[in-house]
Amino acid sequence: MSTMLLSIKPQYAKVILEGKKQYEFRKSKPKQNVTRIIFYASSPQKEVVGEAEIETILEGTPTEIWEIAKTAAGITKKFFFSYYQGKNKAFAYKLKNVKVYDK
């Protein structure tokens, strides 16, 4: 069991903490078995805002991952595919038990 700290843009941290974004998309998979993520909202917010457990890590082509995650992606299809442009592998962390930190 391991924890990782992820830096994400404040607008995406907000939708994760609101429960609207249930997947965190990445271009690579962590080297060790990670079961929990702590979210750091980057500039201009610059603070640790919450955490979530990882239910599962999905791996596949961007098209395969989009088909699975699109209803709870919290981002647009256009943004998703621009993020993975030129990549043939995508990773998605399915989040659960999201906790919002108090200031």
PDB file of N, CA and C in Angstrom:
ATOM      1  N   MET A   1       0.852  -1.176   0.000  1.00  0.00           N
ATOM      2  CA  MET A   1       0.000   0.000   0.000  1.00  0.00           C
ATOM      3  C   MET A   1       0.895   1.236   0.000  1.00  0.00           C
ATOM      4  N   SER A   2       0.619   2.122  -0.951  1.00  0.00           N
ATOM      5  CA  SER A   2       1.458   3.287  -1.124  1.00  0.00           C
ATOM      6  C   SER A   2       0.594   4.501  -1.475  1.00  0.00           C
ATOM      7  N   THR A   3       1.121   5.681  -1.184  1.00  0.00           N
ATOM      8  CA  THR A   3       0.418   6.929  -1.463  1.00  0.00           C
ATOM      9  C   THR A   3       1.272   7.783  -2.375  1.00  0.00           C
ATOM     10  N   MET A   4       0.627   8.484  -3.319  1.00  0.00           N
ATOM     11  CA  MET A   4       1.358   9.422  -4.164  1.00  0.00           C
ATOM     12  C   MET A   4       0.704  10.791  -4.098  1.00  0.00           C
ATOM     13  N   LEU A   5       1.523  11.802  -4.271  1.00  0.00           N
ATOM     14  CA  LEU A   5       1.071  13.186  -4.319  1.00  0.00           C
ATOM     15  C   LEU A   5       1.007  13.586  -5.787  1.00  0.00           C
ATOM     16  N   LEU A   6      -0.177  14.064  -6.224  1.00  0.00           N
ATOM     17  CA  LEU A   6      -0.330  14.510  -7.606  1.00  0.00           C
ATOM     18  C   LEU A   6      -0.635  15.998  -7.640  1.00  0.00           C
ATOM     19  N   SER A   7       0.087  16.698  -8.480  1.00  0.00           N
ATOM     20  CA  SER A   7      -0.176  18.103  -8.720  1.00  0.00           C
ATOM     21  C   SER A   7      -1.168  18.198  -9.871  1.00  0.00           C
ATOM     22  N   ILE A   8      -2.293  18.846  -9.630  1.00  0.00           N
ATOM     23  CA  ILE A   8      -3.302  19.020 -10.674  1.00  0.00           C
ATOM     24  C   ILE A   8      -3.796  20.455 -10.675  1.00  0.00           C
ATOM     25  N   LYS A   9      -4.318  20.885 -11.799  1.00  0.00           N
ATOM     26  CA  LYS A   9      -4.830  22.243 -11.919  1.00  0.00           C
ATOM     27  C   LYS A   9      -6.036  22.401 -10.993  1.00  0.00           C
ATOM     28  N   PRO A  10      -6.170  23.590 -10.383  1.00  0.00           N
ATOM     29  CA  PRO A  10      -7.254  23.808  -9.425  1.00  0.00           C
ATOM     30  C   PRO A  10      -8.653  23.488  -9.953  1.00  0.00           C
ATOM     31  N   GLN A  11      -8.921  23.773 -11.228  1.00  0.00           N
ATOM     32  CA  GLN A  11     -10.259  23.504 -11.753  1.00  0.00           C
ATOM     33  C   GLN A  11     -10.564  22.007 -11.791  1.00  0.00           C
ATOM     34  N   TYR A  12      -9.550  21.171 -11.965  1.00  0.00           N
ATOM     35  CA  TYR A  12      -9.768  19.720 -11.972  1.00  0.00           C
ATOM     36  C   TYR A  12      -9.825  19.171 -10.544  1.00  0.00           C
ATOM     37  N   ALA A  13      -9.054  19.766  -9.648  1.00  0.00           N
ATOM     38  CA  ALA A  13      -9.146  19.378  -8.235  1.00  0.00           C
ATOM     39  C   ALA A  13     -10.555  19.648  -7.729  1.00  0.00           C
ATOM     40  N   LYS A  14     -11.116  20.778  -8.113  1.00  0.00           N
ATOM     41  CA  LYS A  14     -12.463  21.163  -7.676  1.00  0.00           C
ATOM     42  C   LYS A  14     -13.497  20.128  -8.104  1.00  0.00           C
ATOM     43  N   VAL A  15     -13.469  19.707  -9.366  1.00  0.00           N
ATOM     44  CA  VAL A  15     -14.485  18.750  -9.833  1.00  0.00           C
ATOM     45  C   VAL A  15     -14.258  17.349  -9.263  1.00  0.00           C
ATOM     46  N   ILE A  16     -13.016  17.014  -8.933  1.00  0.00           N
ATOM     47  CA  ILE A  16     -12.762  15.741  -8.240  1.00  0.00           C
ATOM     48  C   ILE A  16     -13.383  15.787  -6.849  1.00  0.00           C
ATOM     49  N   LEU A  17     -13.118  16.864  -6.120  1.00  0.00           N
ATOM     50  CA  LEU A  17     -13.618  16.977  -4.752  1.00  0.00           C
ATOM     51  C   LEU A  17     -15.140  17.108  -4.699  1.00  0.00           C
ATOM     52  N   GLU A  18     -15.739  17.598  -5.778  1.00  0.00           N
ATOM     53  CA  GLU A  18     -17.202  17.689  -5.868  1.00  0.00           C
ATOM     54  C   GLU A  18     -17.827  16.360  -6.310  1.00  0.00           C
ATOM     55  N   GLY A  19     -16.999  15.393  -6.706  1.00  0.00           N
ATOM     56  CA  GLY A  19     -17.501  14.098  -7.144  1.00  0.00           C
ATOM     57  C   GLY A  19     -17.911  14.036  -8.601  1.00  0.00           C
ATOM     58  N   LYS A  20     -17.649  15.088  -9.364  1.00  0.00           N
ATOM     59  CA  LYS A  20     -18.032  15.123 -10.774  1.00  0.00           C
ATOM     60  C   LYS A  20     -16.981  14.488 -11.679  1.00  0.00           C
ATOM     61  N   LYS A  21     -15.766  14.412 -11.204  1.00  0.00           N
ATOM     62  CA  LYS A  21     -14.659  13.806 -11.956  1.00  0.00           C
ATOM     63  C   LYS A  21     -14.198  12.596 -11.151  1.00  0.00           C
ATOM     64  N   GLN A  22     -14.558  11.411 -11.620  1.00  0.00           N
ATOM     65  CA  GLN A  22     -14.265  10.194 -10.878  1.00  0.00           C
ATOM     66  C   GLN A  22     -13.048   9.443 -11.410  1.00  0.00           C
ATOM     67  N   TYR A  23     -12.391  10.018 -12.401  1.00  0.00           N
ATOM     68  CA  TYR A  23     -11.182   9.427 -12.973  1.00  0.00           C
ATOM     69  C   TYR A  23     -10.102  10.489 -13.055  1.00  0.00           C
ATOM     70  N   GLU A  24      -8.891  10.107 -12.732  1.00  0.00           N
ATOM     71  CA  GLU A  24      -7.732  10.977 -12.946  1.00  0.00           C
ATOM     72  C   GLU A  24      -6.920  10.333 -14.053  1.00  0.00           C
ATOM     73  N   PHE A  25      -6.711  11.078 -15.137  1.00  0.00           N
ATOM     74  CA  PHE A  25      -6.040  10.553 -16.326  1.00  0.00           C
ATOM     75  C   PHE A  25      -4.555  10.893 -16.305  1.00  0.00           C
ATOM     76  N   ARG A  26      -3.753   9.912 -16.691  1.00  0.00           N
ATOM     77  CA  ARG A  26      -2.304  10.084 -16.725  1.00  0.00           C
ATOM     78  C   ARG A  26      -1.737   9.384 -17.952  1.00  0.00           C
ATOM     79  N   LYS A  27      -0.525   9.804 -18.320  1.00  0.00           N
ATOM     80  CA  LYS A  27       0.160   9.202 -19.466  1.00  0.00           C
ATOM     81  C   LYS A  27       1.056   8.051 -19.064  1.00  0.00           C
ATOM     82  N   SER A  28       1.269   7.871 -17.772  1.00  0.00           N
ATOM     83  CA  SER A  28       2.090   6.752 -17.302  1.00  0.00           C
ATOM     84  C   SER A  28       1.496   6.196 -16.018  1.00  0.00           C
ATOM     85  N   LYS A  29       1.905   4.996 -15.687  1.00  0.00           N
ATOM     86  CA  LYS A  29       1.429   4.307 -14.498  1.00  0.00           C
ATOM     87  C   LYS A  29       2.530   4.369 -13.442  1.00  0.00           C
ATOM     88  N   PRO A  30       2.171   4.495 -12.165  1.00  0.00           N
ATOM     89  CA  PRO A  30       3.223   4.529 -11.139  1.00  0.00           C
ATOM     90  C   PRO A  30       3.975   3.202 -11.081  1.00  0.00           C
ATOM     91  N   LYS A  31       5.238   3.262 -10.694  1.00  0.00           N
ATOM     92  CA  LYS A  31       6.078   2.067 -10.644  1.00  0.00           C
ATOM     93  C   LYS A  31       5.715   1.146  -9.496  1.00  0.00           C
ATOM     94  N   GLN A  32       5.181   1.706  -8.427  1.00  0.00           N
ATOM     95  CA  GLN A  32       4.825   0.872  -7.292  1.00  0.00           C
ATOM     96  C   GLN A  32       3.302   0.800  -7.145  1.00  0.00           C
ATOM     97  N   ASN A  33       2.858  -0.096  -6.293  1.00  0.00           N
ATOM     98  CA  ASN A  33       1.435  -0.310  -6.086  1.00  0.00           C
ATOM     99  C   ASN A  33       0.849   0.838  -5.263  1.00  0.00           C
ATOM    100  N   VAL A  34       0.255   1.801  -5.929  1.00  0.00           N
ATOM    101  CA  VAL A  34      -0.315   2.968  -5.272  1.00  0.00           C
ATOM    102  C   VAL A  34      -1.795   2.729  -5.029  1.00  0.00           C
ATOM    103  N   THR A  35      -2.233   3.022  -3.802  1.00  0.00           N
ATOM    104  CA  THR A  35      -3.637   2.820  -3.442  1.00  0.00           C
ATOM    105  C   THR A  35      -4.340   4.108  -3.031  1.00  0.00           C
ATOM    106  N   ARG A  36      -3.576   5.185  -2.890  1.00  0.00           N
ATOM    107  CA  ARG A  36      -4.158   6.452  -2.447  1.00  0.00           C
ATOM    108  C   ARG A  36      -3.433   7.613  -3.110  1.00  0.00           C
ATOM    109  N   ILE A  37      -4.202   8.650  -3.452  1.00  0.00           N
ATOM    110  CA  ILE A  37      -3.653   9.863  -4.056  1.00  0.00           C
ATOM    111  C   ILE A  37      -3.975  11.047  -3.154  1.00  0.00           C
ATOM    112  N   ILE A  38      -2.984  11.889  -2.916  1.00  0.00           N
ATOM    113  CA  ILE A  38      -3.193  13.175  -2.261  1.00  0.00           C
ATOM    114  C   ILE A  38      -3.102  14.227  -3.362  1.00  0.00           C
ATOM    115  N   PHE A  39      -4.091  15.105  -3.420  1.00  0.00           N
ATOM    116  CA  PHE A  39      -4.171  16.095  -4.488  1.00  0.00           C
ATOM    117  C   PHE A  39      -3.634  17.448  -4.048  1.00  0.00           C
ATOM    118  N   TYR A  40      -2.685  17.947  -4.835  1.00  0.00           N
ATOM    119  CA  TYR A  40      -2.137  19.285  -4.650  1.00  0.00           C
ATOM    120  C   TYR A  40      -2.668  20.145  -5.791  1.00  0.00           C
ATOM    121  N   ALA A  41      -3.443  21.171  -5.460  1.00  0.00           N
ATOM    122  CA  ALA A  41      -3.940  22.111  -6.466  1.00  0.00           C
ATOM    123  C   ALA A  41      -2.816  23.098  -6.777  1.00  0.00           C
ATOM    124  N   SER A  42      -2.393  23.108  -8.027  1.00  0.00           N
ATOM    125  CA  SER A  42      -1.258  23.939  -8.430  1.00  0.00           C
ATOM    126  C   SER A  42      -1.645  25.422  -8.493  1.00  0.00           C
ATOM    127  N   SER A  43      -0.753  26.214  -9.018  1.00  0.00           N
ATOM    128  CA  SER A  43      -0.921  27.665  -9.093  1.00  0.00           C
ATOM    129  C   SER A  43      -2.228  28.038  -9.792  1.00  0.00           C
ATOM    130  N   PRO A  44      -2.959  29.006  -9.330  1.00  0.00           N
ATOM    131  CA  PRO A  44      -2.617  29.969  -8.292  1.00  0.00           C
ATOM    132  C   PRO A  44      -3.012  29.528  -6.872  1.00  0.00           C
ATOM    133  N   GLN A  45      -3.698  28.404  -6.735  1.00  0.00           N
ATOM    134  CA  GLN A  45      -4.177  27.969  -5.417  1.00  0.00           C
ATOM    135  C   GLN A  45      -3.035  27.512  -4.513  1.00  0.00           C
ATOM    136  N   LYS A  46      -2.188  26.651  -5.001  1.00  0.00           N
ATOM    137  CA  LYS A  46      -0.980  26.190  -4.318  1.00  0.00           C
ATOM    138  C   LYS A  46      -1.234  25.626  -2.925  1.00  0.00           C
ATOM    139  N   GLU A  47      -2.069  24.568  -2.864  1.00  0.00           N
ATOM    140  CA  GLU A  47      -2.295  23.921  -1.569  1.00  0.00           C
ATOM    141  C   GLU A  47      -2.781  22.489  -1.750  1.00  0.00           C
ATOM    142  N   VAL A  48      -2.551  21.675  -0.735  1.00  0.00           N
ATOM    143  CA  VAL A  48      -3.065  20.310  -0.706  1.00  0.00           C
ATOM    144  C   VAL A  48      -4.542  20.423  -0.355  1.00  0.00           C
ATOM    145  N   VAL A  49      -5.413  19.821  -1.191  1.00  0.00           N
ATOM    146  CA  VAL A  49      -6.850  20.057  -1.042  1.00  0.00           C
ATOM    147  C   VAL A  49      -7.662  18.821  -0.677  1.00  0.00           C
ATOM    148  N   GLY A  50      -7.096  17.636  -0.871  1.00  0.00           N
ATOM    149  CA  GLY A  50      -7.863  16.440  -0.549  1.00  0.00           C
ATOM    150  C   GLY A  50      -7.146  15.177  -0.951  1.00  0.00           C
ATOM    151  N   GLU A  51      -7.875  14.077  -0.833  1.00  0.00           N
ATOM    152  CA  GLU A  51      -7.308  12.774  -1.176  1.00  0.00           C
ATOM    153  C   GLU A  51      -8.405  11.844  -1.656  1.00  0.00           C
ATOM    154  N   ALA A  52      -7.993  10.738  -2.252  1.00  0.00           N
ATOM    155  CA  ALA A  52      -8.921   9.703  -2.692  1.00  0.00           C
ATOM    156  C   ALA A  52      -8.194   8.370  -2.728  1.00  0.00           C
ATOM    157  N   GLU A  53      -8.958   7.319  -2.578  1.00  0.00           N
ATOM    158  CA  GLU A  53      -8.420   5.979  -2.769  1.00  0.00           C
ATOM    159  C   GLU A  53      -8.533   5.631  -4.249  1.00  0.00           C
ATOM    160  N   ILE A  54      -7.647   4.761  -4.695  1.00  0.00           N
ATOM    161  CA  ILE A  54      -7.713   4.278  -6.068  1.00  0.00           C
ATOM    162  C   ILE A  54      -8.448   2.953  -6.058  1.00  0.00           C
ATOM    163  N   GLU A  55      -9.588   2.928  -6.736  1.00  0.00           N
ATOM    164  CA  GLU A  55     -10.372   1.698  -6.838  1.00  0.00           C
ATOM    165  C   GLU A  55      -9.692   0.726  -7.796  1.00  0.00           C
ATOM    166  N   THR A  56      -9.264   1.264  -8.937  1.00  0.00           N
ATOM    167  CA  THR A  56      -8.563   0.467  -9.939  1.00  0.00           C
ATOM    168  C   THR A  56      -7.796   1.396 -10.869  1.00  0.00           C
ATOM    169  N   ILE A  57      -6.799   0.850 -11.554  1.00  0.00           N
ATOM    170  CA  ILE A  57      -6.067   1.601 -12.567  1.00  0.00           C
ATOM    171  C   ILE A  57      -6.380   0.966 -13.910  1.00  0.00           C
ATOM    172  N   LEU A  58      -7.010   1.746 -14.783  1.00  0.00           N
ATOM    173  CA  LEU A  58      -7.346   1.277 -16.124  1.00  0.00           C
ATOM    174  C   LEU A  58      -6.176   1.562 -17.055  1.00  0.00           C
ATOM    175  N   GLU A  59      -5.960   0.658 -17.978  1.00  0.00           N
ATOM    176  CA  GLU A  59      -4.880   0.811 -18.962  1.00  0.00           C
ATOM    177  C   GLU A  59      -5.405   0.370 -20.314  1.00  0.00           C
ATOM    178  N   GLY A  60      -5.183   1.185 -21.332  1.00  0.00           N
ATOM    179  CA  GLY A  60      -5.628   0.833 -22.679  1.00  0.00           C
ATOM    180  C   GLY A  60      -5.310   1.953 -23.643  1.00  0.00           C
ATOM    181  N   THR A  61      -5.887   1.867 -24.821  1.00  0.00           N
ATOM    182  CA  THR A  61      -5.716   2.952 -25.781  1.00  0.00           C
ATOM    183  C   THR A  61      -6.557   4.129 -25.295  1.00  0.00           C
ATOM    184  N   PRO A  62      -6.244   5.332 -25.749  1.00  0.00           N
ATOM    185  CA  PRO A  62      -7.082   6.468 -25.364  1.00  0.00           C
ATOM    186  C   PRO A  62      -8.567   6.245 -25.702  1.00  0.00           C
ATOM    187  N   THR A  63      -8.854   5.657 -26.833  1.00  0.00           N
ATOM    188  CA  THR A  63     -10.247   5.401 -27.217  1.00  0.00           C
ATOM    189  C   THR A  63     -10.907   4.424 -26.250  1.00  0.00           C
ATOM    190  N   GLU A  64     -10.212   3.371 -25.880  1.00  0.00           N
ATOM    191  CA  GLU A  64     -10.769   2.394 -24.931  1.00  0.00           C
ATOM    192  C   GLU A  64     -11.037   3.037 -23.569  1.00  0.00           C
ATOM    193  N   ILE A  65     -10.090   3.826 -23.088  1.00  0.00           N
ATOM    194  CA  ILE A  65     -10.243   4.467 -21.786  1.00  0.00           C
ATOM    195  C   ILE A  65     -11.383   5.488 -21.822  1.00  0.00           C
ATOM    196  N   TRP A  66     -11.487   6.262 -22.895  1.00  0.00           N
ATOM    197  CA  TRP A  66     -12.579   7.231 -23.000  1.00  0.00           C
ATOM    198  C   TRP A  66     -13.940   6.531 -22.949  1.00  0.00           C
ATOM    199  N   GLU A  67     -14.077   5.436 -23.655  1.00  0.00           N
ATOM    200  CA  GLU A  67     -15.357   4.715 -23.678  1.00  0.00           C
ATOM    201  C   GLU A  67     -15.764   4.248 -22.283  1.00  0.00           C
ATOM    202  N   ILE A  68     -14.809   3.853 -21.475  1.00  0.00           N
ATOM    203  CA  ILE A  68     -15.102   3.402 -20.112  1.00  0.00           C
ATOM    204  C   ILE A  68     -15.417   4.587 -19.193  1.00  0.00           C
ATOM    205  N   ALA A  69     -14.647   5.651 -19.307  1.00  0.00           N
ATOM    206  CA  ALA A  69     -14.685   6.738 -18.317  1.00  0.00           C
ATOM    207  C   ALA A  69     -15.500   7.962 -18.713  1.00  0.00           C
ATOM    208  N   LYS A  70     -15.990   8.043 -19.934  1.00  0.00           N
ATOM    209  CA  LYS A  70     -16.559   9.291 -20.439  1.00  0.00           C
ATOM    210  C   LYS A  70     -17.706   9.869 -19.615  1.00  0.00           C
ATOM    211  N   THR A  71     -18.524   9.049 -18.984  1.00  0.00           N
ATOM    212  CA  THR A  71     -19.664   9.586 -18.232  1.00  0.00           C
ATOM    213  C   THR A  71     -19.260  10.192 -16.890  1.00  0.00           C
ATOM    214  N   ALA A  72     -18.063   9.893 -16.415  1.00  0.00           N
ATOM    215  CA  ALA A  72     -17.587  10.454 -15.142  1.00  0.00           C
ATOM    216  C   ALA A  72     -16.180  11.016 -15.288  1.00  0.00           C
ATOM    217  N   ALA A  73     -15.837  11.442 -16.511  1.00  0.00           N
ATOM    218  CA  ALA A  73     -14.483  11.924 -16.792  1.00  0.00           C
ATOM    219  C   ALA A  73     -14.212  13.310 -16.203  1.00  0.00           C
ATOM    220  N   GLY A  74     -15.234  14.144 -16.136  1.00  0.00           N
ATOM    221  CA  GLY A  74     -15.059  15.491 -15.606  1.00  0.00           C
ATOM    222  C   GLY A  74     -14.319  16.429 -16.537  1.00  0.00           C
ATOM    223  N   ILE A  75     -14.057  15.979 -17.751  1.00  0.00           N
ATOM    224  CA  ILE A  75     -13.401  16.790 -18.784  1.00  0.00           C
ATOM    225  C   ILE A  75     -14.103  16.522 -20.113  1.00  0.00           C
ATOM    226  N   THR A  76     -13.866  17.377 -21.086  1.00  0.00           N
ATOM    227  CA  THR A  76     -14.480  17.185 -22.393  1.00  0.00           C
ATOM    228  C   THR A  76     -13.724  16.138 -23.209  1.00  0.00           C
ATOM    229  N   LYS A  77     -14.422  15.577 -24.157  1.00  0.00           N
ATOM    230  CA  LYS A  77     -13.808  14.607 -25.073  1.00  0.00           C
ATOM    231  C   LYS A  77     -12.653  15.263 -25.834  1.00  0.00           C
ATOM    232  N   LYS A  78     -12.856  16.504 -26.260  1.00  0.00           N
ATOM    233  CA  LYS A  78     -11.812  17.225 -27.007  1.00  0.00           C
ATOM    234  C   LYS A  78     -10.548  17.379 -26.163  1.00  0.00           C
ATOM    235  N   PHE A  79     -10.707  17.794 -24.901  1.00  0.00           N
ATOM    236  CA  PHE A  79      -9.553  17.948 -24.023  1.00  0.00           C
ATOM    237  C   PHE A  79      -8.868  16.609 -23.781  1.00  0.00           C
ATOM    238  N   PHE A  80      -9.660  15.565 -23.539  1.00  0.00           N
ATOM    239  CA  PHE A  80      -9.122  14.228 -23.298  1.00  0.00           C
ATOM    240  C   PHE A  80      -8.221  13.786 -24.449  1.00  0.00           C
ATOM    241  N   PHE A  81      -8.737  13.881 -25.679  1.00  0.00           N
ATOM    242  CA  PHE A  81      -7.951  13.406 -26.821  1.00  0.00           C
ATOM    243  C   PHE A  81      -6.780  14.331 -27.152  1.00  0.00           C
ATOM    244  N   SER A  82      -6.879  15.609 -26.829  1.00  0.00           N
ATOM    245  CA  SER A  82      -5.715  16.479 -27.033  1.00  0.00           C
ATOM    246  C   SER A  82      -4.616  16.132 -26.023  1.00  0.00           C
ATOM    247  N   TYR A  83      -5.003  15.746 -24.805  1.00  0.00           N
ATOM    248  CA  TYR A  83      -4.034  15.332 -23.780  1.00  0.00           C
ATOM    249  C   TYR A  83      -3.253  14.095 -24.227  1.00  0.00           C
ATOM    250  N   TYR A  84      -3.940  13.172 -24.875  1.00  0.00           N
ATOM    251  CA  TYR A  84      -3.301  11.923 -25.307  1.00  0.00           C
ATOM    252  C   TYR A  84      -2.842  11.945 -26.772  1.00  0.00           C
ATOM    253  N   GLN A  85      -2.830  13.101 -27.398  1.00  0.00           N
ATOM    254  CA  GLN A  85      -2.419  13.195 -28.797  1.00  0.00           C
ATOM    255  C   GLN A  85      -1.028  12.589 -29.001  1.00  0.00           C
ATOM    256  N   GLY A  86      -0.927  11.692 -29.968  1.00  0.00           N
ATOM    257  CA  GLY A  86       0.340  11.041 -30.274  1.00  0.00           C
ATOM    258  C   GLY A  86       0.668   9.861 -29.366  1.00  0.00           C
ATOM    259  N   LYS A  87      -0.183   9.576 -28.414  1.00  0.00           N
ATOM    260  CA  LYS A  87       0.034   8.452 -27.480  1.00  0.00           C
ATOM    261  C   LYS A  87      -0.878   7.285 -27.863  1.00  0.00           C
ATOM    262  N   ASN A  88      -0.370   6.075 -27.706  1.00  0.00           N
ATOM    263  CA  ASN A  88      -1.227   4.912 -27.957  1.00  0.00           C
ATOM    264  C   ASN A  88      -1.566   4.171 -26.669  1.00  0.00           C
ATOM    265  N   LYS A  89      -1.178   4.723 -25.533  1.00  0.00           N
ATOM    266  CA  LYS A  89      -1.510   4.133 -24.242  1.00  0.00           C
ATOM    267  C   LYS A  89      -1.998   5.234 -23.294  1.00  0.00           C
ATOM    268  N   ALA A  90      -3.070   4.903 -22.575  1.00  0.00           N
ATOM    269  CA  ALA A  90      -3.644   5.844 -21.604  1.00  0.00           C
ATOM    270  C   ALA A  90      -3.887   5.104 -20.290  1.00  0.00           C
ATOM    271  N   PHE A  91      -3.827   5.846 -19.195  1.00  0.00           N
ATOM    272  CA  PHE A  91      -4.084   5.299 -17.861  1.00  0.00           C
ATOM    273  C   PHE A  91      -5.129   6.171 -17.181  1.00  0.00           C
ATOM    274  N   ALA A  92      -6.010   5.530 -16.430  1.00  0.00           N
ATOM    275  CA  ALA A  92      -7.028   6.261 -15.673  1.00  0.00           C
ATOM    276  C   ALA A  92      -7.128   5.647 -14.286  1.00  0.00           C
ATOM    277  N   TYR A  93      -6.997   6.501 -13.277  1.00  0.00           N
ATOM    278  CA  TYR A  93      -7.176   6.052 -11.902  1.00  0.00           C
ATOM    279  C   TYR A  93      -8.640   6.253 -11.546  1.00  0.00           C
ATOM    280  N   LYS A  94      -9.358   5.172 -11.292  1.00  0.00           N
ATOM    281  CA  LYS A  94     -10.755   5.241 -10.853  1.00  0.00           C
ATOM    282  C   LYS A  94     -10.728   5.569  -9.367  1.00  0.00           C
ATOM    283  N   LEU A  95     -11.342   6.700  -9.009  1.00  0.00           N
ATOM    284  CA  LEU A  95     -11.264   7.204  -7.642  1.00  0.00           C
ATOM    285  C   LEU A  95     -12.470   6.781  -6.812  1.00  0.00           C
ATOM    286  N   LYS A  96     -12.242   6.609  -5.513  1.00  0.00           N
ATOM    287  CA  LYS A  96     -13.337   6.342  -4.574  1.00  0.00           C
ATOM    288  C   LYS A  96     -12.969   6.955  -3.226  1.00  0.00           C
ATOM    289  N   ASN A  97     -13.958   7.082  -2.361  1.00  0.00           N
ATOM    290  CA  ASN A  97     -13.761   7.621  -1.013  1.00  0.00           C
ATOM    291  C   ASN A  97     -12.970   8.930  -1.011  1.00  0.00           C
ATOM    292  N   VAL A  98     -13.454   9.869  -1.797  1.00  0.00           N
ATOM    293  CA  VAL A  98     -12.806  11.186  -1.902  1.00  0.00           C
ATOM    294  C   VAL A  98     -13.043  11.958  -0.610  1.00  0.00           C
ATOM    295  N   LYS A  99     -11.961  12.557  -0.102  1.00  0.00           N
ATOM    296  CA  LYS A  99     -12.044  13.376   1.122  1.00  0.00           C
ATOM    297  C   LYS A  99     -11.520  14.775   0.811  1.00  0.00           C
ATOM    298  N   VAL A 100     -12.284  15.765   1.254  1.00  0.00           N
ATOM    299  CA  VAL A 100     -11.880  17.157   1.112  1.00  0.00           C
ATOM    300  C   VAL A 100     -11.200  17.567   2.397  1.00  0.00           C
ATOM    301  N   TYR A 101     -10.019  18.172   2.280  1.00  0.00           N
ATOM    302  CA  TYR A 101      -9.303  18.650   3.458  1.00  0.00           C
ATOM    303  C   TYR A 101      -9.832  20.013   3.875  1.00  0.00           C
ATOM    304  N   ASP A 102      -9.896  20.231   5.181  1.00  0.00           N
ATOM    305  CA  ASP A 102     -10.189  21.571   5.701  1.00  0.00           C
ATOM    306  C   ASP A 102      -8.935  22.419   5.526  1.00  0.00           C
ATOM    307  N   LYS A 103      -9.110  23.716   5.480  1.00  0.00           N
ATOM    308  CA  LYS A 103      -7.941  24.594   5.354  1.00  0.00           C
ATOM    309  C   LYS A 103      -7.157  24.574   6.627  1.00  0.00           C
TER     310      LYS A 103
END
